PDB file of N, CA and C in Angstrom:
ATOM      1  N   MET A   1       1.908  -8.418   5.206  1.00  0.00           N
ATOM      2  CA  MET A   1       0.642  -9.063   4.926  1.00  0.00           C
ATOM      3  C   MET A   1       0.616 -10.506   5.406  1.00  0.00           C
ATOM      4  N   ARG A   2       1.729 -11.001   5.843  1.00  0.00           N
ATOM      5  CA  ARG A   2       1.779 -12.412   6.218  1.00  0.00           C
ATOM      6  C   ARG A   2       1.621 -12.623   7.722  1.00  0.00           C
ATOM      7  N   TYR A   3       0.913 -11.756   8.387  1.00  0.00           N
ATOM      8  CA  TYR A   3       0.694 -11.942   9.812  1.00  0.00           C
ATOM      9  C   TYR A   3      -0.675 -12.587  10.044  1.00  0.00           C
ATOM     10  N   ALA A   4      -0.889 -13.093  11.248  1.00  0.00           N
ATOM     11  CA  ALA A   4      -2.093 -13.870  11.551  1.00  0.00           C
ATOM     12  C   ALA A   4      -3.379 -13.088  11.300  1.00  0.00           C
ATOM     13  N   GLY A   5      -3.400 -11.814  11.645  1.00  0.00           N
ATOM     14  CA  GLY A   5      -4.604 -11.014  11.428  1.00  0.00           C
ATOM     15  C   GLY A   5      -4.978 -10.912   9.966  1.00  0.00           C
ATOM     16  N   ALA A   6      -3.987 -10.789   9.103  1.00  0.00           N
ATOM     17  CA  ALA A   6      -4.248 -10.724   7.664  1.00  0.00           C
ATOM     18  C   ALA A   6      -4.783 -12.062   7.168  1.00  0.00           C
ATOM     19  N   ARG A   7      -4.181 -13.137   7.635  1.00  0.00           N
ATOM     20  CA  ARG A   7      -4.664 -14.475   7.248  1.00  0.00           C
ATOM     21  C   ARG A   7      -6.109 -14.672   7.691  1.00  0.00           C
ATOM     22  N   HIS A   8      -6.397 -14.235   8.909  1.00  0.00           N
ATOM     23  CA  HIS A   8      -7.752 -14.367   9.450  1.00  0.00           C
ATOM     24  C   HIS A   8      -8.748 -13.547   8.614  1.00  0.00           C
ATOM     25  N   ALA A   9      -8.293 -12.429   8.083  1.00  0.00           N
ATOM     26  CA  ALA A   9      -9.143 -11.572   7.262  1.00  0.00           C
ATOM     27  C   ALA A   9      -9.270 -12.073   5.825  1.00  0.00           C
ATOM     28  N   GLY A  10      -8.571 -13.179   5.501  1.00  0.00           N
ATOM     29  CA  GLY A  10      -8.710 -13.775   4.187  1.00  0.00           C
ATOM     30  C   GLY A  10      -7.605 -13.481   3.199  1.00  0.00           C
ATOM     31  N   VAL A  11      -6.521 -12.892   3.636  1.00  0.00           N
ATOM     32  CA  VAL A  11      -5.414 -12.615   2.727  1.00  0.00           C
ATOM     33  C   VAL A  11      -4.692 -13.925   2.422  1.00  0.00           C
ATOM     34  N   THR A  12      -4.534 -14.209   1.145  1.00  0.00           N
ATOM     35  CA  THR A  12      -3.873 -15.435   0.696  1.00  0.00           C
ATOM     36  C   THR A  12      -2.548 -15.082   0.015  1.00  0.00           C
ATOM     37  N   GLU A  13      -1.713 -16.093  -0.193  1.00  0.00           N
ATOM     38  CA  GLU A  13      -0.455 -15.876  -0.928  1.00  0.00           C
ATOM     39  C   GLU A  13      -0.743 -15.357  -2.334  1.00  0.00           C
ATOM     40  N   ALA A  14      -1.804 -15.844  -2.949  1.00  0.00           N
ATOM     41  CA  ALA A  14      -2.157 -15.382  -4.297  1.00  0.00           C
ATOM     42  C   ALA A  14      -2.491 -13.889  -4.282  1.00  0.00           C
ATOM     43  N   LYS A  15      -3.194 -13.445  -3.252  1.00  0.00           N
ATOM     44  CA  LYS A  15      -3.546 -12.023  -3.163  1.00  0.00           C
ATOM     45  C   LYS A  15      -2.297 -11.179  -2.891  1.00  0.00           C
ATOM     46  N   ILE A  16      -1.401 -11.687  -2.073  1.00  0.00           N
ATOM     47  CA  ILE A  16      -0.146 -10.973  -1.820  1.00  0.00           C
ATOM     48  C   ILE A  16       0.639 -10.833  -3.124  1.00  0.00           C
ATOM     49  N   ALA A  17       0.735 -11.915  -3.894  1.00  0.00           N
ATOM     50  CA  ALA A  17       1.449 -11.869  -5.171  1.00  0.00           C
ATOM     51  C   ALA A  17       0.769 -10.913  -6.148  1.00  0.00           C
ATOM     52  N   ALA A  18      -0.553 -10.806  -6.075  1.00  0.00           N
ATOM     53  CA  ALA A  18      -1.304  -9.939  -6.985  1.00  0.00           C
ATOM     54  C   ALA A  18      -1.021  -8.468  -6.756  1.00  0.00           C
ATOM     55  N   MET A  19      -0.439  -8.127  -5.638  1.00  0.00           N
ATOM     56  CA  MET A  19      -0.144  -6.717  -5.353  1.00  0.00           C
ATOM     57  C   MET A  19       0.866  -6.141  -6.326  1.00  0.00           C
ATOM     58  N   ASP A  20       1.633  -6.992  -6.978  1.00  0.00           N
ATOM     59  CA  ASP A  20       2.596  -6.536  -7.984  1.00  0.00           C
ATOM     60  C   ASP A  20       1.997  -6.473  -9.381  1.00  0.00           C
ATOM     61  N   ASP A  21       0.713  -6.806  -9.503  1.00  0.00           N
ATOM     62  CA  ASP A  21       0.056  -6.862 -10.804  1.00  0.00           C
ATOM     63  C   ASP A  21      -1.166  -5.955 -10.791  1.00  0.00           C
ATOM     64  N   GLU A  22      -1.018  -4.742 -11.343  1.00  0.00           N
ATOM     65  CA  GLU A  22      -2.112  -3.773 -11.323  1.00  0.00           C
ATOM     66  C   GLU A  22      -3.364  -4.250 -12.057  1.00  0.00           C
ATOM     67  N   SER A  23      -3.233  -5.249 -12.914  1.00  0.00           N
ATOM     68  CA  SER A  23      -4.390  -5.729 -13.662  1.00  0.00           C
ATOM     69  C   SER A  23      -5.044  -6.952 -13.030  1.00  0.00           C
ATOM     70  N   SER A  24      -4.535  -7.406 -11.888  1.00  0.00           N
ATOM     71  CA  SER A  24      -5.065  -8.608 -11.246  1.00  0.00           C
ATOM     72  C   SER A  24      -6.514  -8.417 -10.812  1.00  0.00           C
ATOM     73  N   ASP A  25      -7.307  -9.433 -11.059  1.00  0.00           N
ATOM     74  CA  ASP A  25      -8.698  -9.382 -10.604  1.00  0.00           C
ATOM     75  C   ASP A  25      -8.838  -9.883  -9.168  1.00  0.00           C
ATOM     76  N   LEU A  26      -7.719 -10.243  -8.535  1.00  0.00           N
ATOM     77  CA  LEU A  26      -7.762 -10.646  -7.122  1.00  0.00           C
ATOM     78  C   LEU A  26      -7.852  -9.441  -6.193  1.00  0.00           C
ATOM     79  N   LEU A  27      -7.505  -8.262  -6.713  1.00  0.00           N
ATOM     80  CA  LEU A  27      -7.589  -7.040  -5.929  1.00  0.00           C
ATOM     81  C   LEU A  27      -8.748  -6.188  -6.435  1.00  0.00           C
ATOM     82  N   THR A  28      -9.425  -5.540  -5.523  1.00  0.00           N
ATOM     83  CA  THR A  28     -10.467  -4.599  -5.913  1.00  0.00           C
ATOM     84  C   THR A  28      -9.808  -3.324  -6.425  1.00  0.00           C
ATOM     85  N   ALA A  29     -10.579  -2.488  -7.085  1.00  0.00           N
ATOM     86  CA  ALA A  29     -10.045  -1.210  -7.558  1.00  0.00           C
ATOM     87  C   ALA A  29      -9.540  -0.383  -6.376  1.00  0.00           C
ATOM     88  N   ARG A  30     -10.233  -0.461  -5.266  1.00  0.00           N
ATOM     89  CA  ARG A  30      -9.839   0.260  -4.048  1.00  0.00           C
ATOM     90  C   ARG A  30      -8.499  -0.268  -3.524  1.00  0.00           C
ATOM     91  N   GLU A  31      -8.340  -1.589  -3.503  1.00  0.00           N
ATOM     92  CA  GLU A  31      -7.072  -2.179  -3.057  1.00  0.00           C
ATOM     93  C   GLU A  31      -5.937  -1.808  -3.997  1.00  0.00           C
ATOM     94  N   ARG A  32      -6.202  -1.837  -5.307  1.00  0.00           N
ATOM     95  CA  ARG A  32      -5.168  -1.450  -6.277  1.00  0.00           C
ATOM     96  C   ARG A  32      -4.751   0.003  -6.079  1.00  0.00           C
ATOM     97  N   ALA A  33      -5.707   0.871  -5.803  1.00  0.00           N
ATOM     98  CA  ALA A  33      -5.384   2.284  -5.566  1.00  0.00           C
ATOM     99  C   ALA A  33      -4.522   2.430  -4.312  1.00  0.00           C
ATOM    100  N   ALA A  34      -4.828   1.676  -3.274  1.00  0.00           N
ATOM    101  CA  ALA A  34      -4.045   1.742  -2.032  1.00  0.00           C
ATOM    102  C   ALA A  34      -2.616   1.257  -2.260  1.00  0.00           C
ATOM    103  N   VAL A  35      -2.467   0.162  -2.986  1.00  0.00           N
ATOM    104  CA  VAL A  35      -1.133  -0.371  -3.272  1.00  0.00           C
ATOM    105  C   VAL A  35      -0.348   0.622  -4.132  1.00  0.00           C
ATOM    106  N   LYS A  36      -1.006   1.184  -5.121  1.00  0.00           N
ATOM    107  CA  LYS A  36      -0.352   2.159  -5.996  1.00  0.00           C
ATOM    108  C   LYS A  36       0.100   3.381  -5.189  1.00  0.00           C
ATOM    109  N   PHE A  37      -0.722   3.829  -4.262  1.00  0.00           N
ATOM    110  CA  PHE A  37      -0.376   4.966  -3.405  1.00  0.00           C
ATOM    111  C   PHE A  37       0.845   4.643  -2.550  1.00  0.00           C
ATOM    112  N   ALA A  38       0.841   3.486  -1.907  1.00  0.00           N
ATOM    113  CA  ALA A  38       1.978   3.091  -1.066  1.00  0.00           C
ATOM    114  C   ALA A  38       3.253   2.988  -1.902  1.00  0.00           C
ATOM    115  N   GLU A  39       3.128   2.452  -3.096  1.00  0.00           N
ATOM    116  CA  GLU A  39       4.288   2.333  -3.992  1.00  0.00           C
ATOM    117  C   GLU A  39       4.836   3.712  -4.357  1.00  0.00           C
ATOM    118  N   LYS A  40       3.946   4.626  -4.695  1.00  0.00           N
ATOM    119  CA  LYS A  40       4.383   5.983  -5.036  1.00  0.00           C
ATOM    120  C   LYS A  40       5.051   6.652  -3.839  1.00  0.00           C
ATOM    121  N   LEU A  41       4.493   6.478  -2.648  1.00  0.00           N
ATOM    122  CA  LEU A  41       5.101   7.063  -1.454  1.00  0.00           C
ATOM    123  C   LEU A  41       6.497   6.502  -1.215  1.00  0.00           C
ATOM    124  N   ALA A  42       6.664   5.222  -1.449  1.00  0.00           N
ATOM    125  CA  ALA A  42       7.947   4.562  -1.182  1.00  0.00           C
ATOM    126  C   ALA A  42       8.999   4.874  -2.242  1.00  0.00           C
ATOM    127  N   VAL A  43       8.581   4.989  -3.484  1.00  0.00           N
ATOM    128  CA  VAL A  43       9.538   5.080  -4.583  1.00  0.00           C
ATOM    129  C   VAL A  43       9.736   6.500  -5.095  1.00  0.00           C
ATOM    130  N   ASP A  44       8.650   7.220  -5.323  1.00  0.00           N
ATOM    131  CA  ASP A  44       8.764   8.580  -5.866  1.00  0.00           C
ATOM    132  C   ASP A  44       7.532   9.385  -5.480  1.00  0.00           C
ATOM    133  N   HIS A  45       7.568   9.932  -4.290  1.00  0.00           N
ATOM    134  CA  HIS A  45       6.405  10.660  -3.770  1.00  0.00           C
ATOM    135  C   HIS A  45       6.053  11.889  -4.600  1.00  0.00           C
ATOM    136  N   HIS A  46       6.960  12.365  -5.434  1.00  0.00           N
ATOM    137  CA  HIS A  46       6.669  13.510  -6.301  1.00  0.00           C
ATOM    138  C   HIS A  46       5.631  13.157  -7.373  1.00  0.00           C
ATOM    139  N   LYS A  47       5.401  11.876  -7.591  1.00  0.00           N
ATOM    140  CA  LYS A  47       4.407  11.446  -8.576  1.00  0.00           C
ATOM    141  C   LYS A  47       2.998  11.397  -7.987  1.00  0.00           C
ATOM    142  N   VAL A  48       2.849  11.761  -6.729  1.00  0.00           N
ATOM    143  CA  VAL A  48       1.510  11.871  -6.138  1.00  0.00           C
ATOM    144  C   VAL A  48       1.025  13.281  -6.479  1.00  0.00           C
ATOM    145  N   ASP A  49       0.441  13.394  -7.668  1.00  0.00           N
ATOM    146  CA  ASP A  49       0.022  14.686  -8.191  1.00  0.00           C
ATOM    147  C   ASP A  49      -1.491  14.856  -8.067  1.00  0.00           C
ATOM    148  N   ASP A  50      -2.005  15.950  -8.597  1.00  0.00           N
ATOM    149  CA  ASP A  50      -3.439  16.230  -8.503  1.00  0.00           C
ATOM    150  C   ASP A  50      -4.288  15.134  -9.137  1.00  0.00           C
ATOM    151  N   ALA A  51      -3.834  14.601 -10.264  1.00  0.00           N
ATOM    152  CA  ALA A  51      -4.584  13.530 -10.924  1.00  0.00           C
ATOM    153  C   ALA A  51      -4.646  12.282 -10.044  1.00  0.00           C
ATOM    154  N   PHE A  52      -3.535  11.985  -9.384  1.00  0.00           N
ATOM    155  CA  PHE A  52      -3.550  10.802  -8.516  1.00  0.00           C
ATOM    156  C   PHE A  52      -4.410  11.037  -7.284  1.00  0.00           C
ATOM    157  N   TRP A  53      -4.377  12.262  -6.718  1.00  0.00           N
ATOM    158  CA  TRP A  53      -5.263  12.562  -5.586  1.00  0.00           C
ATOM    159  C   TRP A  53      -6.716  12.347  -5.985  1.00  0.00           C
ATOM    160  N   ALA A  54      -7.076  12.757  -7.182  1.00  0.00           N
ATOM    161  CA  ALA A  54      -8.450  12.557  -7.659  1.00  0.00           C
ATOM    162  C   ALA A  54      -8.775  11.070  -7.754  1.00  0.00           C
ATOM    163  N   GLU A  55      -7.820  10.288  -8.216  1.00  0.00           N
ATOM    164  CA  GLU A  55      -8.017   8.831  -8.294  1.00  0.00           C
ATOM    165  C   GLU A  55      -8.234   8.247  -6.900  1.00  0.00           C
ATOM    166  N   LEU A  56      -7.434   8.683  -5.928  1.00  0.00           N
ATOM    167  CA  LEU A  56      -7.597   8.187  -4.558  1.00  0.00           C
ATOM    168  C   LEU A  56      -8.962   8.567  -3.996  1.00  0.00           C
ATOM    169  N   ARG A  57      -9.380   9.812  -4.245  1.00  0.00           N
ATOM    170  CA  ARG A  57     -10.664  10.282  -3.717  1.00  0.00           C
ATOM    171  C   ARG A  57     -11.852   9.537  -4.317  1.00  0.00           C
ATOM    172  N   ALA A  58     -11.646   8.908  -5.448  1.00  0.00           N
ATOM    173  CA  ALA A  58     -12.719   8.091  -6.041  1.00  0.00           C
ATOM    174  C   ALA A  58     -12.946   6.815  -5.243  1.00  0.00           C
ATOM    175  N   HIS A  59     -11.950   6.427  -4.422  1.00  0.00           N
ATOM    176  CA  HIS A  59     -12.030   5.175  -3.675  1.00  0.00           C
ATOM    177  C   HIS A  59     -12.045   5.356  -2.162  1.00  0.00           C
ATOM    178  N   PHE A  60     -11.553   6.490  -1.686  1.00  0.00           N
ATOM    179  CA  PHE A  60     -11.381   6.700  -0.250  1.00  0.00           C
ATOM    180  C   PHE A  60     -11.886   8.071   0.170  1.00  0.00           C
ATOM    181  N   SER A  61     -12.362   8.149   1.400  1.00  0.00           N
ATOM    182  CA  SER A  61     -12.705   9.450   1.983  1.00  0.00           C
ATOM    183  C   SER A  61     -11.407  10.149   2.383  1.00  0.00           C
ATOM    184  N   GLU A  62     -11.508  11.434   2.712  1.00  0.00           N
ATOM    185  CA  GLU A  62     -10.326  12.171   3.154  1.00  0.00           C
ATOM    186  C   GLU A  62      -9.711  11.520   4.391  1.00  0.00           C
ATOM    187  N   ALA A  63     -10.544  11.118   5.333  1.00  0.00           N
ATOM    188  CA  ALA A  63     -10.037  10.474   6.558  1.00  0.00           C
ATOM    189  C   ALA A  63      -9.342   9.157   6.229  1.00  0.00           C
ATOM    190  N   GLU A  64      -9.891   8.391   5.297  1.00  0.00           N
ATOM    191  CA  GLU A  64      -9.264   7.125   4.915  1.00  0.00           C
ATOM    192  C   GLU A  64      -7.927   7.356   4.223  1.00  0.00           C
ATOM    193  N   ILE A  65      -7.831   8.413   3.426  1.00  0.00           N
ATOM    194  CA  ILE A  65      -6.565   8.723   2.757  1.00  0.00           C
ATOM    195  C   ILE A  65      -5.499   9.075   3.789  1.00  0.00           C
ATOM    196  N   ILE A  66      -5.866   9.864   4.790  1.00  0.00           N
ATOM    197  CA  ILE A  66      -4.913  10.217   5.849  1.00  0.00           C
ATOM    198  C   ILE A  66      -4.470   8.956   6.590  1.00  0.00           C
ATOM    199  N   GLU A  67      -5.414   8.082   6.910  1.00  0.00           N
ATOM    200  CA  GLU A  67      -5.060   6.841   7.611  1.00  0.00           C
ATOM    201  C   GLU A  67      -4.164   5.963   6.742  1.00  0.00           C
ATOM    202  N   LEU A  68      -4.499   5.834   5.474  1.00  0.00           N
ATOM    203  CA  LEU A  68      -3.683   5.053   4.546  1.00  0.00           C
ATOM    204  C   LEU A  68      -2.275   5.625   4.457  1.00  0.00           C
ATOM    205  N   ALA A  69      -2.167   6.942   4.329  1.00  0.00           N
ATOM    206  CA  ALA A  69      -0.853   7.588   4.239  1.00  0.00           C
ATOM    207  C   ALA A  69      -0.052   7.376   5.522  1.00  0.00           C
ATOM    208  N   ALA A  70      -0.709   7.507   6.659  1.00  0.00           N
ATOM    209  CA  ALA A  70      -0.015   7.328   7.940  1.00  0.00           C
ATOM    210  C   ALA A  70       0.527   5.913   8.075  1.00  0.00           C
ATOM    211  N   HIS A  71      -0.301   4.916   7.778  1.00  0.00           N
ATOM    212  CA  HIS A  71       0.156   3.526   7.888  1.00  0.00           C
ATOM    213  C   HIS A  71       1.266   3.231   6.886  1.00  0.00           C
ATOM    214  N   ALA A  72       1.092   3.686   5.648  1.00  0.00           N
ATOM    215  CA  ALA A  72       2.102   3.420   4.621  1.00  0.00           C
ATOM    216  C   ALA A  72       3.440   4.049   4.997  1.00  0.00           C
ATOM    217  N   THR A  73       3.426   5.289   5.469  1.00  0.00           N
ATOM    218  CA  THR A  73       4.697   5.946   5.786  1.00  0.00           C
ATOM    219  C   THR A  73       5.378   5.316   6.994  1.00  0.00           C
ATOM    220  N   VAL A  74       4.601   4.830   7.949  1.00  0.00           N
ATOM    221  CA  VAL A  74       5.208   4.138   9.097  1.00  0.00           C
ATOM    222  C   VAL A  74       5.922   2.876   8.627  1.00  0.00           C
ATOM    223  N   TYR A  75       5.253   2.076   7.802  1.00  0.00           N
ATOM    224  CA  TYR A  75       5.874   0.825   7.346  1.00  0.00           C
ATOM    225  C   TYR A  75       7.030   1.081   6.376  1.00  0.00           C
ATOM    226  N   ILE A  76       6.916   2.114   5.545  1.00  0.00           N
ATOM    227  CA  ILE A  76       8.035   2.474   4.675  1.00  0.00           C
ATOM    228  C   ILE A  76       9.227   2.870   5.541  1.00  0.00           C
ATOM    229  N   GLY A  77       8.974   3.672   6.557  1.00  0.00           N
ATOM    230  CA  GLY A  77      10.043   4.088   7.466  1.00  0.00           C
ATOM    231  C   GLY A  77      10.689   2.924   8.186  1.00  0.00           C
ATOM    232  N   PHE A  78       9.875   1.997   8.686  1.00  0.00           N
ATOM    233  CA  PHE A  78      10.441   0.822   9.350  1.00  0.00           C
ATOM    234  C   PHE A  78      11.274  -0.005   8.380  1.00  0.00           C
ATOM    235  N   GLY A  79      10.812  -0.131   7.157  1.00  0.00           N
ATOM    236  CA  GLY A  79      11.571  -0.875   6.155  1.00  0.00           C
ATOM    237  C   GLY A  79      12.921  -0.243   5.882  1.00  0.00           C
ATOM    238  N   ARG A  80      12.931   1.068   5.789  1.00  0.00           N
ATOM    239  CA  ARG A  80      14.198   1.770   5.555  1.00  0.00           C
ATOM    240  C   ARG A  80      15.112   1.673   6.769  1.00  0.00           C
ATOM    241  N   LEU A  81      14.549   1.786   7.958  1.00  0.00           N
ATOM    242  CA  LEU A  81      15.340   1.626   9.176  1.00  0.00           C
ATOM    243  C   LEU A  81      15.966   0.235   9.229  1.00  0.00           C
ATOM    244  N   ASN A  82      15.148  -0.793   8.971  1.00  0.00           N
ATOM    245  CA  ASN A  82      15.664  -2.160   8.965  1.00  0.00           C
ATOM    246  C   ASN A  82      16.817  -2.310   7.985  1.00  0.00           C
ATOM    247  N   GLU A  83      16.687  -1.679   6.840  1.00  0.00           N
ATOM    248  CA  GLU A  83      17.726  -1.770   5.809  1.00  0.00           C
ATOM    249  C   GLU A  83      19.026  -1.111   6.268  1.00  0.00           C
ATOM    250  N   ILE A  84      18.945   0.080   6.826  1.00  0.00           N
ATOM    251  CA  ILE A  84      20.182   0.785   7.160  1.00  0.00           C
ATOM    252  C   ILE A  84      20.881   0.217   8.386  1.00  0.00           C
ATOM    253  N   VAL A  85      20.132  -0.444   9.283  1.00  0.00           N
ATOM    254  CA  VAL A  85      20.778  -1.033  10.448  1.00  0.00           C
ATOM    255  C   VAL A  85      21.051  -2.534  10.265  1.00  0.00           C
ATOM    256  N   GLY A  86      20.657  -3.061   9.110  1.00  0.00           N
ATOM    257  CA  GLY A  86      20.984  -4.450   8.784  1.00  0.00           C
ATOM    258  C   GLY A  86      20.077  -5.513   9.379  1.00  0.00           C
ATOM    259  N   ILE A  87      18.850  -5.128   9.713  1.00  0.00           N
ATOM    260  CA  ILE A  87      17.913  -6.131  10.244  1.00  0.00           C
ATOM    261  C   ILE A  87      17.247  -6.836   9.072  1.00  0.00           C
ATOM    262  N   GLU A  88      17.340  -8.139   9.034  1.00  0.00           N
ATOM    263  CA  GLU A  88      16.679  -8.918   7.992  1.00  0.00           C
ATOM    264  C   GLU A  88      15.385  -9.474   8.519  1.00  0.00           C
ATOM    265  N   ILE A  89      14.362  -9.359   7.729  1.00  0.00           N
ATOM    266  CA  ILE A  89      13.042  -9.848   8.155  1.00  0.00           C
ATOM    267  C   ILE A  89      12.748 -11.165   7.471  1.00  0.00           C
TER     268      ILE A  89
END
């Protein structure tokens, strides 16, 4: 989130910090759902159950969910690759 495009789009350090706080009013309900989805994919994908799919569908279209999942899994994968080969960011 700390790249120039994100800054240009209005992402602040406060908003980045708010990603760890599900009750933060700095994130929209849609943003909180996206962060929660990425967290579940990274930590315990088995917790992405029918109830959570329904929650996602309240905020995103099917196409948006696929795009969100694709982006999240790419970055999760890069993070894991960086970790196992010892690249520090």
